[in-house]
């Protein structure tokens, strides 16, 4: 497991320590959890080209939508 060193203002350190303690985690584990959440929140590389853009069937067409119903005014 890699070690990272970074600097934050004292106020940020205090907040991180309080939140880690409230979560029942060590400071290191708490920060790692934040980083994992942030890093893992995007789409994987090539997702849209391989999945969403990978349709190889006939062209998709939107079918008839019919007419909108008439509703009473409020």
PDB file of N, CA and C in Angstrom:
ATOM      1  N   UNK A   1       0.848  -1.169   0.000  1.00  0.00           N
ATOM      2  CA  UNK A   1       0.000   0.000   0.000  1.00  0.00           C
ATOM      3  C   UNK A   1       0.894   1.233   0.000  1.00  0.00           C
ATOM      4  N   UNK A   2       0.558   2.169  -0.841  1.00  0.00           N
ATOM      5  CA  UNK A   2       1.356   3.396  -0.969  1.00  0.00           C
ATOM      6  C   UNK A   2       1.042   4.377   0.147  1.00  0.00           C
ATOM      7  N   UNK A   3       2.011   5.211   0.453  1.00  0.00           N
ATOM      8  CA  UNK A   3       1.819   6.295   1.409  1.00  0.00           C
ATOM      9  C   UNK A   3       1.865   7.610   0.655  1.00  0.00           C
ATOM     10  N   UNK A   4       0.957   8.497   0.983  1.00  0.00           N
ATOM     11  CA  UNK A   4       0.928   9.831   0.393  1.00  0.00           C
ATOM     12  C   UNK A   4       1.093  10.841   1.506  1.00  0.00           C
ATOM     13  N   UNK A   5       1.785  11.902   1.205  1.00  0.00           N
ATOM     14  CA  UNK A   5       1.978  12.982   2.171  1.00  0.00           C
ATOM     15  C   UNK A   5       1.439  14.260   1.545  1.00  0.00           C
ATOM     16  N   UNK A   6       0.615  14.973   2.282  1.00  0.00           N
ATOM     17  CA  UNK A   6       0.098  16.240   1.782  1.00  0.00           C
ATOM     18  C   UNK A   6      -0.142  17.175   2.954  1.00  0.00           C
ATOM     19  N   UNK A   7      -0.301  18.432   2.634  1.00  0.00           N
ATOM     20  CA  UNK A   7      -0.457  19.451   3.657  1.00  0.00           C
ATOM     21  C   UNK A   7      -1.844  20.073   3.567  1.00  0.00           C
ATOM     22  N   UNK A   8      -2.449  20.292   4.719  1.00  0.00           N
ATOM     23  CA  UNK A   8      -3.732  20.974   4.795  1.00  0.00           C
ATOM     24  C   UNK A   8      -3.646  22.002   5.919  1.00  0.00           C
ATOM     25  N   UNK A   9      -4.465  23.038   5.860  1.00  0.00           N
ATOM     26  CA  UNK A   9      -4.485  24.008   6.951  1.00  0.00           C
ATOM     27  C   UNK A   9      -4.914  23.330   8.264  1.00  0.00           C
ATOM     28  N   UNK A  10      -4.507  23.882   9.360  1.00  0.00           N
ATOM     29  CA  UNK A  10      -4.810  23.315  10.677  1.00  0.00           C
ATOM     30  C   UNK A  10      -6.313  23.124  10.895  1.00  0.00           C
ATOM     31  N   UNK A  11      -7.113  24.071  10.408  1.00  0.00           N
ATOM     32  CA  UNK A  11      -8.566  23.959  10.577  1.00  0.00           C
ATOM     33  C   UNK A  11      -9.109  22.726   9.867  1.00  0.00           C
ATOM     34  N   UNK A  12      -8.572  22.437   8.691  1.00  0.00           N
ATOM     35  CA  UNK A  12      -9.011  21.264   7.929  1.00  0.00           C
ATOM     36  C   UNK A  12      -8.590  19.998   8.670  1.00  0.00           C
ATOM     37  N   UNK A  13      -7.402  19.989   9.195  1.00  0.00           N
ATOM     38  CA  UNK A  13      -6.942  18.827   9.964  1.00  0.00           C
ATOM     39  C   UNK A  13      -7.869  18.571  11.150  1.00  0.00           C
ATOM     40  N   UNK A  14      -8.236  19.628  11.854  1.00  0.00           N
ATOM     41  CA  UNK A  14      -9.131  19.481  13.002  1.00  0.00           C
ATOM     42  C   UNK A  14     -10.468  18.878  12.588  1.00  0.00           C
ATOM     43  N   UNK A  15     -11.017  19.373  11.486  1.00  0.00           N
ATOM     44  CA  UNK A  15     -12.295  18.851  10.999  1.00  0.00           C
ATOM     45  C   UNK A  15     -12.163  17.378  10.595  1.00  0.00           C
ATOM     46  N   UNK A  16     -11.077  17.053   9.892  1.00  0.00           N
ATOM     47  CA  UNK A  16     -10.869  15.667   9.479  1.00  0.00           C
ATOM     48  C   UNK A  16     -10.752  14.745  10.684  1.00  0.00           C
ATOM     49  N   UNK A  17     -10.011  15.154  11.672  1.00  0.00           N
ATOM     50  CA  UNK A  17      -9.843  14.330  12.879  1.00  0.00           C
ATOM     51  C   UNK A  17     -11.175  14.122  13.603  1.00  0.00           C
ATOM     52  N   UNK A  18     -11.963  15.191  13.726  1.00  0.00           N
ATOM     53  CA  UNK A  18     -13.271  15.069  14.390  1.00  0.00           C
ATOM     54  C   UNK A  18     -14.199  14.133  13.625  1.00  0.00           C
ATOM     55  N   UNK A  19     -14.224  14.293  12.306  1.00  0.00           N
ATOM     56  CA  UNK A  19     -15.103  13.445  11.499  1.00  0.00           C
ATOM     57  C   UNK A  19     -14.650  11.992  11.505  1.00  0.00           C
ATOM     58  N   UNK A  20     -13.354  11.767  11.472  1.00  0.00           N
ATOM     59  CA  UNK A  20     -12.827  10.396  11.532  1.00  0.00           C
ATOM     60  C   UNK A  20     -13.209   9.754  12.856  1.00  0.00           C
ATOM     61  N   UNK A  21     -13.059  10.506  13.928  1.00  0.00           N
ATOM     62  CA  UNK A  21     -13.401   9.983  15.252  1.00  0.00           C
ATOM     63  C   UNK A  21     -14.895   9.672  15.332  1.00  0.00           C
ATOM     64  N   UNK A  22     -15.730  10.568  14.818  1.00  0.00           N
ATOM     65  CA  UNK A  22     -17.179  10.358  14.830  1.00  0.00           C
ATOM     66  C   UNK A  22     -17.573   9.125  14.019  1.00  0.00           C
ATOM     67  N   UNK A  23     -16.815   8.845  12.961  1.00  0.00           N
ATOM     68  CA  UNK A  23     -17.094   7.675  12.116  1.00  0.00           C
ATOM     69  C   UNK A  23     -16.467   6.412  12.682  1.00  0.00           C
ATOM     70  N   UNK A  24     -15.692   6.549  13.760  1.00  0.00           N
ATOM     71  CA  UNK A  24     -15.043   5.387  14.353  1.00  0.00           C
ATOM     72  C   UNK A  24     -13.887   4.857  13.518  1.00  0.00           C
ATOM     73  N   UNK A  25     -13.234   5.749  12.779  1.00  0.00           N
ATOM     74  CA  UNK A  25     -12.138   5.355  11.894  1.00  0.00           C
ATOM     75  C   UNK A  25     -10.866   6.100  12.285  1.00  0.00           C
ATOM     76  N   UNK A  26      -9.737   5.512  11.911  1.00  0.00           N
ATOM     77  CA  UNK A  26      -8.484   6.249  12.047  1.00  0.00           C
ATOM     78  C   UNK A  26      -8.500   7.364  11.012  1.00  0.00           C
ATOM     79  N   UNK A  27      -7.684   8.372  11.226  1.00  0.00           N
ATOM     80  CA  UNK A  27      -7.615   9.478  10.278  1.00  0.00           C
ATOM     81  C   UNK A  27      -7.207   8.972   8.898  1.00  0.00           C
ATOM     82  N   UNK A  28      -6.226   8.093   8.859  1.00  0.00           N
ATOM     83  CA  UNK A  28      -5.745   7.553   7.585  1.00  0.00           C
ATOM     84  C   UNK A  28      -6.855   6.814   6.841  1.00  0.00           C
ATOM     85  N   UNK A  29      -7.585   5.977   7.554  1.00  0.00           N
ATOM     86  CA  UNK A  29      -8.660   5.200   6.920  1.00  0.00           C
ATOM     87  C   UNK A  29      -9.791   6.116   6.463  1.00  0.00           C
ATOM     88  N   UNK A  30     -10.092   7.130   7.253  1.00  0.00           N
ATOM     89  CA  UNK A  30     -11.147   8.069   6.891  1.00  0.00           C
ATOM     90  C   UNK A  30     -10.798   8.816   5.604  1.00  0.00           C
ATOM     91  N   UNK A  31      -9.570   9.309   5.522  1.00  0.00           N
ATOM     92  CA  UNK A  31      -9.138  10.021   4.316  1.00  0.00           C
ATOM     93  C   UNK A  31      -9.117   9.077   3.111  1.00  0.00           C
ATOM     94  N   UNK A  32      -8.675   7.846   3.308  1.00  0.00           N
ATOM     95  CA  UNK A  32      -8.671   6.871   2.211  1.00  0.00           C
ATOM     96  C   UNK A  32     -10.088   6.623   1.701  1.00  0.00           C
ATOM     97  N   UNK A  33     -11.053   6.582   2.617  1.00  0.00           N
ATOM     98  CA  UNK A  33     -12.451   6.391   2.242  1.00  0.00           C
ATOM     99  C   UNK A  33     -12.951   7.554   1.387  1.00  0.00           C
ATOM    100  N   UNK A  34     -12.586   8.768   1.757  1.00  0.00           N
ATOM    101  CA  UNK A  34     -12.971   9.953   0.986  1.00  0.00           C
ATOM    102  C   UNK A  34     -12.361   9.886  -0.413  1.00  0.00           C
ATOM    103  N   UNK A  35     -11.096   9.517  -0.495  1.00  0.00           N
ATOM    104  CA  UNK A  35     -10.409   9.451  -1.792  1.00  0.00           C
ATOM    105  C   UNK A  35     -11.049   8.370  -2.662  1.00  0.00           C
ATOM    106  N   UNK A  36     -11.319   7.194  -2.099  1.00  0.00           N
ATOM    107  CA  UNK A  36     -11.952   6.119  -2.879  1.00  0.00           C
ATOM    108  C   UNK A  36     -13.292   6.565  -3.443  1.00  0.00           C
ATOM    109  N   UNK A  37     -14.077   7.246  -2.617  1.00  0.00           N
ATOM    110  CA  UNK A  37     -15.382   7.718  -3.065  1.00  0.00           C
ATOM    111  C   UNK A  37     -15.235   8.712  -4.216  1.00  0.00           C
ATOM    112  N   UNK A  38     -14.292   9.626  -4.107  1.00  0.00           N
ATOM    113  CA  UNK A  38     -14.093  10.645  -5.138  1.00  0.00           C
ATOM    114  C   UNK A  38     -13.549  10.048  -6.427  1.00  0.00           C
ATOM    115  N   UNK A  39     -12.586   9.171  -6.316  1.00  0.00           N
ATOM    116  CA  UNK A  39     -11.965   8.573  -7.501  1.00  0.00           C
ATOM    117  C   UNK A  39     -12.943   7.656  -8.226  1.00  0.00           C
ATOM    118  N   UNK A  40     -13.734   6.917  -7.479  1.00  0.00           N
ATOM    119  CA  UNK A  40     -14.625   5.928  -8.071  1.00  0.00           C
ATOM    120  C   UNK A  40     -15.936   6.473  -8.573  1.00  0.00           C
ATOM    121  N   UNK A  41     -16.103   7.781  -8.629  1.00  0.00           N
ATOM    122  CA  UNK A  41     -17.407   8.318  -8.986  1.00  0.00           C
ATOM    123  C   UNK A  41     -17.574   8.642 -10.474  1.00  0.00           C
ATOM    124  N   UNK A  42     -16.578   8.375 -11.284  1.00  0.00           N
ATOM    125  CA  UNK A  42     -16.694   8.695 -12.705  1.00  0.00           C
ATOM    126  C   UNK A  42     -16.954   7.460 -13.549  1.00  0.00           C
ATOM    127  N   UNK A  43     -17.202   7.683 -14.803  1.00  0.00           N
ATOM    128  CA  UNK A  43     -17.399   6.578 -15.735  1.00  0.00           C
ATOM    129  C   UNK A  43     -16.040   5.998 -16.098  1.00  0.00           C
ATOM    130  N   UNK A  44     -15.937   4.687 -16.258  1.00  0.00           N
ATOM    131  CA  UNK A  44     -14.663   4.074 -16.655  1.00  0.00           C
ATOM    132  C   UNK A  44     -14.228   4.561 -18.043  1.00  0.00           C
ATOM    133  N   UNK A  45     -12.938   4.588 -18.282  1.00  0.00           N
ATOM    134  CA  UNK A  45     -12.420   4.983 -19.591  1.00  0.00           C
ATOM    135  C   UNK A  45     -13.036   4.117 -20.679  1.00  0.00           C
ATOM    136  N   UNK A  46     -13.470   4.744 -21.765  1.00  0.00           N
ATOM    137  CA  UNK A  46     -14.019   4.030 -22.906  1.00  0.00           C
ATOM    138  C   UNK A  46     -15.440   3.528 -22.725  1.00  0.00           C
ATOM    139  N   UNK A  47     -16.106   3.861 -21.613  1.00  0.00           N
ATOM    140  CA  UNK A  47     -17.447   3.349 -21.344  1.00  0.00           C
ATOM    141  C   UNK A  47     -18.418   3.678 -22.469  1.00  0.00           C
ATOM    142  N   UNK A  48     -18.481   4.939 -22.859  1.00  0.00           N
ATOM    143  CA  UNK A  48     -19.466   5.327 -23.849  1.00  0.00           C
ATOM    144  C   UNK A  48     -19.167   4.772 -25.234  1.00  0.00           C
ATOM    145  N   UNK A  49     -17.906   4.614 -25.560  1.00  0.00           N
ATOM    146  CA  UNK A  49     -17.559   4.044 -26.860  1.00  0.00           C
ATOM    147  C   UNK A  49     -17.867   2.545 -26.886  1.00  0.00           C
ATOM    148  N   UNK A  50     -17.637   1.859 -25.774  1.00  0.00           N
ATOM    149  CA  UNK A  50     -17.818   0.406 -25.745  1.00  0.00           C
ATOM    150  C   UNK A  50     -19.248  -0.016 -25.444  1.00  0.00           C
ATOM    151  N   UNK A  51     -19.941   0.734 -24.619  1.00  0.00           N
ATOM    152  CA  UNK A  51     -21.277   0.320 -24.211  1.00  0.00           C
ATOM    153  C   UNK A  51     -22.346   1.151 -24.900  1.00  0.00           C
ATOM    154  N   UNK A  52     -22.430   2.414 -24.518  1.00  0.00           N
ATOM    155  CA  UNK A  52     -23.489   3.264 -25.056  1.00  0.00           C
ATOM    156  C   UNK A  52     -23.334   3.492 -26.556  1.00  0.00           C
ATOM    157  N   UNK A  53     -22.117   3.606 -27.037  1.00  0.00           N
ATOM    158  CA  UNK A  53     -21.895   3.841 -28.457  1.00  0.00           C
ATOM    159  C   UNK A  53     -21.632   2.558 -29.221  1.00  0.00           C
ATOM    160  N   UNK A  54     -21.818   1.434 -28.571  1.00  0.00           N
ATOM    161  CA  UNK A  54     -21.487   0.167 -29.202  1.00  0.00           C
ATOM    162  C   UNK A  54     -22.643  -0.527 -29.893  1.00  0.00           C
ATOM    163  N   UNK A  55     -23.782   0.154 -30.084  1.00  0.00           N
ATOM    164  CA  UNK A  55     -24.936  -0.448 -30.739  1.00  0.00           C
ATOM    165  C   UNK A  55     -24.589  -0.789 -32.180  1.00  0.00           C
ATOM    166  N   UNK A  56     -24.791  -2.041 -32.542  1.00  0.00           N
ATOM    167  CA  UNK A  56     -24.439  -2.448 -33.906  1.00  0.00           C
ATOM    168  C   UNK A  56     -25.656  -2.932 -34.684  1.00  0.00           C
ATOM    169  N   UNK A  57     -26.848  -2.752 -34.141  1.00  0.00           N
ATOM    170  CA  UNK A  57     -28.069  -3.157 -34.828  1.00  0.00           C
ATOM    171  C   UNK A  57     -28.563  -2.070 -35.764  1.00  0.00           C
ATOM    172  N   UNK A  58     -29.789  -2.235 -36.242  1.00  0.00           N
ATOM    173  CA  UNK A  58     -30.365  -1.218 -37.130  1.00  0.00           C
ATOM    174  C   UNK A  58     -30.553   0.099 -36.386  1.00  0.00           C
ATOM    175  N   UNK A  59     -30.684   1.168 -37.131  1.00  0.00           N
ATOM    176  CA  UNK A  59     -30.842   2.488 -36.524  1.00  0.00           C
ATOM    177  C   UNK A  59     -32.084   2.508 -35.629  1.00  0.00           C
ATOM    178  N   UNK A  60     -31.967   3.128 -34.487  1.00  0.00           N
ATOM    179  CA  UNK A  60     -33.088   3.225 -33.571  1.00  0.00           C
ATOM    180  C   UNK A  60     -34.005   4.348 -34.014  1.00  0.00           C
ATOM    181  N   UNK A  61     -35.304   4.089 -33.948  1.00  0.00           N
ATOM    182  CA  UNK A  61     -36.277   5.109 -34.324  1.00  0.00           C
ATOM    183  C   UNK A  61     -37.286   5.252 -33.207  1.00  0.00           C
ATOM    184  N   UNK A  62     -37.675   6.479 -32.953  1.00  0.00           N
ATOM    185  CA  UNK A  62     -38.680   6.726 -31.923  1.00  0.00           C
ATOM    186  C   UNK A  62     -40.054   6.452 -32.515  1.00  0.00           C
ATOM    187  N   UNK A  63     -40.808   5.613 -31.833  1.00  0.00           N
ATOM    188  CA  UNK A  63     -42.143   5.261 -32.309  1.00  0.00           C
ATOM    189  C   UNK A  63     -43.142   6.384 -32.104  1.00  0.00           C
ATOM    190  N   UNK A  64     -44.367   6.160 -32.597  1.00  0.00           N
ATOM    191  CA  UNK A  64     -45.440   7.133 -32.474  1.00  0.00           C
ATOM    192  C   UNK A  64     -45.719   7.395 -30.995  1.00  0.00           C
ATOM    193  N   UNK A  65     -45.785   8.650 -30.607  1.00  0.00           N
ATOM    194  CA  UNK A  65     -46.011   9.030 -29.223  1.00  0.00           C
ATOM    195  C   UNK A  65     -47.474   9.281 -28.908  1.00  0.00           C
ATOM    196  N   UNK A  66     -48.329   9.199 -29.901  1.00  0.00           N
ATOM    197  CA  UNK A  66     -49.746   9.442 -29.669  1.00  0.00           C
ATOM    198  C   UNK A  66     -50.016  10.914 -29.402  1.00  0.00           C
ATOM    199  N   UNK A  67     -51.185  11.198 -28.870  1.00  0.00           N
ATOM    200  CA  UNK A  67     -51.537  12.582 -28.564  1.00  0.00           C
ATOM    201  C   UNK A  67     -51.606  12.744 -27.056  1.00  0.00           C
ATOM    202  N   UNK A  68     -51.309  13.936 -26.608  1.00  0.00           N
ATOM    203  CA  UNK A  68     -51.356  14.213 -25.185  1.00  0.00           C
ATOM    204  C   UNK A  68     -52.801  14.313 -24.733  1.00  0.00           C
ATOM    205  N   UNK A  69     -53.078  13.789 -23.546  1.00  0.00           N
ATOM    206  CA  UNK A  69     -54.444  13.871 -23.027  1.00  0.00           C
ATOM    207  C   UNK A  69     -54.746  15.307 -22.607  1.00  0.00           C
ATOM    208  N   UNK A  70     -56.009  15.649 -22.671  1.00  0.00           N
ATOM    209  CA  UNK A  70     -56.456  16.985 -22.251  1.00  0.00           C
ATOM    210  C   UNK A  70     -56.869  16.875 -20.796  1.00  0.00           C
ATOM    211  N   UNK A  71     -56.304  17.728 -19.953  1.00  0.00           N
ATOM    212  CA  UNK A  71     -56.622  17.691 -18.524  1.00  0.00           C
ATOM    213  C   UNK A  71     -57.384  18.940 -18.117  1.00  0.00           C
ATOM    214  N   UNK A  72     -58.156  18.793 -17.050  1.00  0.00           N
ATOM    215  CA  UNK A  72     -58.877  19.943 -16.520  1.00  0.00           C
ATOM    216  C   UNK A  72     -57.877  20.928 -15.933  1.00  0.00           C
ATOM    217  N   UNK A  73     -58.183  22.205 -16.081  1.00  0.00           N
ATOM    218  CA  UNK A  73     -57.315  23.240 -15.500  1.00  0.00           C
ATOM    219  C   UNK A  73     -57.555  23.306 -14.005  1.00  0.00           C
ATOM    220  N   UNK A  74     -56.539  23.639 -13.277  1.00  0.00           N
ATOM    221  CA  UNK A  74     -56.685  23.790 -11.825  1.00  0.00           C
ATOM    222  C   UNK A  74     -57.251  25.131 -11.464  1.00  0.00           C
TER     223      UNK A  74
END
